[in-house]
């Protein structure tokens, strides 16, 4: 399947974690803690395809406010693709760049 990260088309499969897809396709999504979710540097906004992604993890519930969740906020290291379909997401800084 094809998903879009920073408007760049990338190949992905159900079961893949969003951060891993970004790294494999050389799309810049920050990550410092190695995927445990505590650094929150992989925070992204999902613009399309939330229903194709896993439910929010306990780590995400602890670190992401309801307001950011409602706006599509997720941690890429904690979010898995669960079924085929369009997915589009951006790192936090792109969303505020204008």
N, C-alpha and C. Protein backbone atom coordinates (compact mmCIF):
# COMPACT_ATOMS: atom_id res chain seq x y z
N UNK A 1 0.84 -1.18 0.00
CA UNK A 1 0.00 0.00 0.00
C UNK A 1 0.88 1.24 0.00
N UNK A 2 0.33 2.34 -0.36
CA UNK A 2 1.07 3.60 -0.40
C UNK A 2 0.48 4.54 0.65
N UNK A 3 1.37 5.11 1.47
CA UNK A 3 0.97 6.14 2.41
C UNK A 3 1.79 7.39 2.10
N UNK A 4 1.41 8.51 2.67
CA UNK A 4 2.13 9.77 2.42
C UNK A 4 2.66 10.33 3.74
N UNK A 5 3.96 10.58 3.76
CA UNK A 5 4.62 11.18 4.90
C UNK A 5 5.26 12.47 4.39
N UNK A 6 4.90 13.59 4.96
CA UNK A 6 5.42 14.88 4.48
C UNK A 6 5.15 15.05 2.99
N UNK A 7 4.00 14.61 2.53
CA UNK A 7 3.59 14.66 1.12
C UNK A 7 4.40 13.76 0.21
N UNK A 8 5.26 12.92 0.75
CA UNK A 8 6.05 12.00 -0.05
C UNK A 8 5.40 10.61 -0.03
N UNK A 9 5.12 10.03 -1.22
CA UNK A 9 4.53 8.69 -1.23
C UNK A 9 5.55 7.65 -0.76
N UNK A 10 5.10 6.75 0.10
CA UNK A 10 5.97 5.73 0.68
C UNK A 10 5.24 4.39 0.69
N UNK A 11 6.00 3.33 0.51
CA UNK A 11 5.43 1.99 0.57
C UNK A 11 5.32 1.53 2.01
N UNK A 12 4.21 0.89 2.35
CA UNK A 12 3.99 0.38 3.69
C UNK A 12 3.07 -0.83 3.60
N UNK A 13 3.00 -1.57 4.69
CA UNK A 13 2.15 -2.75 4.76
C UNK A 13 1.39 -2.73 6.08
N UNK A 14 0.20 -3.32 6.12
CA UNK A 14 -0.46 -3.49 7.41
C UNK A 14 0.48 -4.22 8.36
N UNK A 15 0.53 -3.75 9.59
CA UNK A 15 1.45 -4.28 10.58
C UNK A 15 2.66 -3.41 10.80
N UNK A 16 2.97 -2.54 9.83
CA UNK A 16 4.11 -1.63 9.97
C UNK A 16 3.81 -0.53 10.98
N UNK A 17 4.84 -0.07 11.67
CA UNK A 17 4.75 1.06 12.59
C UNK A 17 5.11 2.32 11.82
N UNK A 18 4.37 3.40 12.02
CA UNK A 18 4.58 4.63 11.24
C UNK A 18 6.02 5.13 11.29
N UNK A 19 6.66 5.09 12.45
CA UNK A 19 8.04 5.56 12.54
C UNK A 19 8.97 4.70 11.69
N UNK A 20 8.77 3.39 11.69
CA UNK A 20 9.61 2.51 10.88
C UNK A 20 9.44 2.78 9.39
N UNK A 21 8.22 3.05 8.96
CA UNK A 21 7.97 3.38 7.56
C UNK A 21 8.70 4.67 7.19
N UNK A 22 8.63 5.66 8.07
CA UNK A 22 9.33 6.93 7.82
C UNK A 22 10.83 6.71 7.71
N UNK A 23 11.41 5.94 8.63
CA UNK A 23 12.85 5.69 8.59
C UNK A 23 13.24 4.92 7.32
N UNK A 24 12.48 3.92 6.93
CA UNK A 24 12.80 3.12 5.75
C UNK A 24 12.73 3.93 4.47
N UNK A 25 11.89 4.96 4.47
CA UNK A 25 11.71 5.79 3.28
C UNK A 25 12.45 7.12 3.37
N UNK A 26 13.33 7.25 4.38
CA UNK A 26 14.15 8.45 4.57
C UNK A 26 13.32 9.73 4.68
N UNK A 27 12.17 9.61 5.37
CA UNK A 27 11.33 10.76 5.68
C UNK A 27 11.67 11.20 7.09
N UNK A 28 11.91 12.47 7.28
CA UNK A 28 12.34 12.93 8.59
C UNK A 28 11.19 12.95 9.59
N UNK A 29 11.24 12.04 10.54
CA UNK A 29 10.39 12.04 11.72
C UNK A 29 11.37 11.84 12.87
N UNK A 30 11.35 12.73 13.84
CA UNK A 30 12.29 12.64 14.95
C UNK A 30 12.08 11.39 15.79
N UNK A 31 13.15 10.91 16.38
CA UNK A 31 13.06 9.84 17.37
C UNK A 31 14.35 9.82 18.16
N UNK A 32 14.22 9.90 19.46
CA UNK A 32 15.39 9.93 20.34
C UNK A 32 15.40 8.72 21.26
N UNK A 33 14.23 8.33 21.77
CA UNK A 33 14.16 7.31 22.81
C UNK A 33 14.17 5.88 22.29
N UNK A 34 14.24 5.70 20.98
CA UNK A 34 14.29 4.35 20.43
C UNK A 34 12.94 3.67 20.30
N UNK A 35 11.87 4.42 20.38
CA UNK A 35 10.55 3.85 20.15
C UNK A 35 9.73 3.55 21.38
N UNK A 36 10.16 4.02 22.54
CA UNK A 36 9.38 3.76 23.75
C UNK A 36 8.28 4.80 23.96
N UNK A 37 8.31 5.91 23.22
CA UNK A 37 7.27 6.92 23.27
C UNK A 37 7.47 8.01 24.31
N UNK A 38 8.45 7.87 25.17
CA UNK A 38 8.59 8.83 26.26
C UNK A 38 9.18 10.17 25.83
N UNK A 39 9.94 10.23 24.76
CA UNK A 39 10.55 11.50 24.35
C UNK A 39 9.58 12.36 23.54
N UNK A 40 8.59 11.74 22.94
CA UNK A 40 7.56 12.41 22.14
C UNK A 40 8.11 13.13 20.91
N UNK A 41 9.36 12.86 20.54
CA UNK A 41 9.95 13.55 19.39
C UNK A 41 9.38 13.04 18.06
N UNK A 42 8.67 11.92 18.08
CA UNK A 42 8.08 11.40 16.85
C UNK A 42 6.60 11.79 16.73
N UNK A 43 6.19 12.82 17.46
CA UNK A 43 4.81 13.29 17.40
C UNK A 43 4.47 13.72 15.97
N UNK A 44 3.34 13.24 15.46
CA UNK A 44 2.88 13.58 14.11
C UNK A 44 1.39 13.90 14.16
N UNK A 45 0.94 14.57 13.10
CA UNK A 45 -0.49 14.78 12.90
C UNK A 45 -0.94 13.90 11.74
N UNK A 46 -1.92 13.06 11.99
CA UNK A 46 -2.51 12.22 10.95
C UNK A 46 -3.60 13.05 10.29
N UNK A 47 -3.44 13.31 9.01
CA UNK A 47 -4.39 14.12 8.25
C UNK A 47 -5.44 13.27 7.55
N UNK A 48 -5.10 12.00 7.30
CA UNK A 48 -6.01 11.10 6.58
C UNK A 48 -5.71 9.68 7.02
N UNK A 49 -6.76 8.89 7.20
CA UNK A 49 -6.59 7.47 7.43
C UNK A 49 -6.51 7.02 8.88
N UNK A 50 -7.01 7.81 9.80
CA UNK A 50 -6.94 7.41 11.21
C UNK A 50 -7.61 6.06 11.43
N UNK A 51 -8.65 5.75 10.66
CA UNK A 51 -9.34 4.47 10.82
C UNK A 51 -8.53 3.29 10.30
N UNK A 52 -7.39 3.54 9.66
CA UNK A 52 -6.50 2.48 9.19
C UNK A 52 -5.36 2.24 10.17
N UNK A 53 -5.41 2.91 11.31
CA UNK A 53 -4.33 2.85 12.29
C UNK A 53 -4.81 2.25 13.60
N UNK A 54 -3.86 1.75 14.37
CA UNK A 54 -4.16 1.15 15.67
C UNK A 54 -4.77 2.18 16.62
N UNK A 55 -5.42 1.66 17.64
CA UNK A 55 -5.94 2.51 18.70
C UNK A 55 -4.77 3.18 19.42
N UNK A 56 -5.03 4.26 20.08
CA UNK A 56 -4.01 4.97 20.83
C UNK A 56 -3.48 4.07 21.95
N UNK A 57 -2.15 4.01 22.08
CA UNK A 57 -1.52 3.20 23.12
C UNK A 57 -1.64 3.89 24.48
N UNK A 58 -1.35 3.17 25.54
CA UNK A 58 -1.34 3.76 26.87
C UNK A 58 -0.33 4.87 27.00
N UNK A 59 0.81 4.72 26.32
CA UNK A 59 1.84 5.77 26.33
C UNK A 59 1.29 7.03 25.68
N UNK A 60 0.62 6.87 24.56
CA UNK A 60 0.03 8.03 23.88
C UNK A 60 -1.03 8.71 24.76
N UNK A 61 -1.85 7.91 25.40
CA UNK A 61 -2.89 8.46 26.27
C UNK A 61 -2.27 9.26 27.41
N UNK A 62 -1.11 8.81 27.89
CA UNK A 62 -0.44 9.50 28.99
C UNK A 62 0.22 10.81 28.55
N UNK A 63 0.71 10.88 27.31
CA UNK A 63 1.51 12.03 26.89
C UNK A 63 0.82 12.99 25.93
N UNK A 64 -0.25 12.58 25.28
CA UNK A 64 -0.90 13.44 24.30
C UNK A 64 -2.23 13.93 24.85
N UNK A 65 -2.42 15.23 24.88
CA UNK A 65 -3.66 15.81 25.41
C UNK A 65 -4.85 15.45 24.52
N UNK A 66 -6.03 15.53 25.08
CA UNK A 66 -7.25 15.28 24.30
C UNK A 66 -7.36 16.23 23.12
N UNK A 67 -6.95 17.48 23.33
CA UNK A 67 -7.02 18.48 22.25
C UNK A 67 -6.13 18.06 21.08
N UNK A 68 -4.90 17.62 21.36
CA UNK A 68 -3.99 17.19 20.29
C UNK A 68 -4.48 15.89 19.67
N UNK A 69 -5.02 14.99 20.48
CA UNK A 69 -5.57 13.74 19.94
C UNK A 69 -6.71 14.05 18.98
N UNK A 70 -7.60 14.95 19.37
CA UNK A 70 -8.73 15.32 18.51
C UNK A 70 -8.26 15.95 17.20
N UNK A 71 -7.08 16.58 17.21
CA UNK A 71 -6.52 17.19 16.00
C UNK A 71 -5.75 16.18 15.15
N UNK A 72 -5.71 14.91 15.57
CA UNK A 72 -5.01 13.88 14.80
C UNK A 72 -3.63 13.55 15.33
N UNK A 73 -3.30 14.04 16.51
CA UNK A 73 -1.97 13.81 17.07
C UNK A 73 -1.73 12.37 17.47
N UNK A 74 -0.58 11.84 17.06
CA UNK A 74 -0.16 10.48 17.42
C UNK A 74 1.36 10.46 17.61
N UNK A 75 1.85 9.42 18.27
CA UNK A 75 3.28 9.16 18.33
C UNK A 75 3.57 8.09 17.28
N UNK A 76 4.42 8.43 16.32
CA UNK A 76 4.69 7.53 15.20
C UNK A 76 5.28 6.20 15.66
N UNK A 77 6.01 6.21 16.76
CA UNK A 77 6.62 4.97 17.26
C UNK A 77 5.61 4.03 17.90
N UNK A 78 4.44 4.54 18.23
CA UNK A 78 3.41 3.76 18.91
C UNK A 78 2.24 3.40 18.00
N UNK A 79 2.26 3.88 16.76
CA UNK A 79 1.11 3.75 15.88
C UNK A 79 1.38 2.75 14.76
N UNK A 80 0.53 1.74 14.68
CA UNK A 80 0.68 0.66 13.71
C UNK A 80 -0.43 0.77 12.65
N UNK A 81 -0.07 0.47 11.40
CA UNK A 81 -1.06 0.38 10.33
C UNK A 81 -1.78 -0.95 10.51
N UNK A 82 -3.11 -0.91 10.59
CA UNK A 82 -3.86 -2.14 10.84
C UNK A 82 -4.60 -2.66 9.61
N UNK A 83 -4.77 -1.81 8.59
CA UNK A 83 -5.43 -2.28 7.37
C UNK A 83 -5.07 -1.38 6.20
N UNK A 84 -5.21 -1.95 4.99
CA UNK A 84 -4.93 -1.19 3.77
C UNK A 84 -5.84 0.03 3.67
N UNK A 85 -5.28 1.08 3.13
CA UNK A 85 -6.05 2.29 2.88
C UNK A 85 -5.16 3.50 2.92
N UNK A 86 -5.68 4.63 2.52
CA UNK A 86 -4.86 5.85 2.48
C UNK A 86 -4.52 6.34 3.89
N UNK A 87 -3.27 6.69 4.08
CA UNK A 87 -2.81 7.29 5.33
C UNK A 87 -1.90 8.44 4.94
N UNK A 88 -2.08 9.58 5.60
CA UNK A 88 -1.25 10.77 5.33
C UNK A 88 -0.95 11.41 6.68
N UNK A 89 0.36 11.64 6.94
CA UNK A 89 0.72 12.30 8.19
C UNK A 89 1.95 13.16 8.04
N UNK A 90 2.08 14.11 8.98
CA UNK A 90 3.13 15.12 8.96
C UNK A 90 3.74 15.24 10.36
N UNK A 91 5.03 15.55 10.42
CA UNK A 91 5.60 15.87 11.74
C UNK A 91 5.02 17.19 12.23
N UNK A 92 5.08 17.41 13.51
CA UNK A 92 4.47 18.59 14.13
C UNK A 92 4.90 19.89 13.47
N UNK A 93 6.18 20.07 13.19
CA UNK A 93 6.65 21.37 12.69
C UNK A 93 6.07 21.70 11.33
N UNK A 94 5.76 20.74 10.48
CA UNK A 94 5.18 21.03 9.16
C UNK A 94 3.80 21.67 9.34
N UNK A 95 3.04 21.18 10.29
CA UNK A 95 1.68 21.68 10.47
C UNK A 95 1.64 23.14 10.89
N UNK A 96 2.68 23.63 11.53
CA UNK A 96 2.70 25.00 12.01
C UNK A 96 3.53 25.91 11.10
N UNK A 97 4.00 25.40 9.97
CA UNK A 97 4.90 26.16 9.10
C UNK A 97 4.16 27.09 8.14
N UNK A 98 2.89 27.21 8.26
CA UNK A 98 2.25 28.18 7.39
C UNK A 98 1.12 27.66 6.70
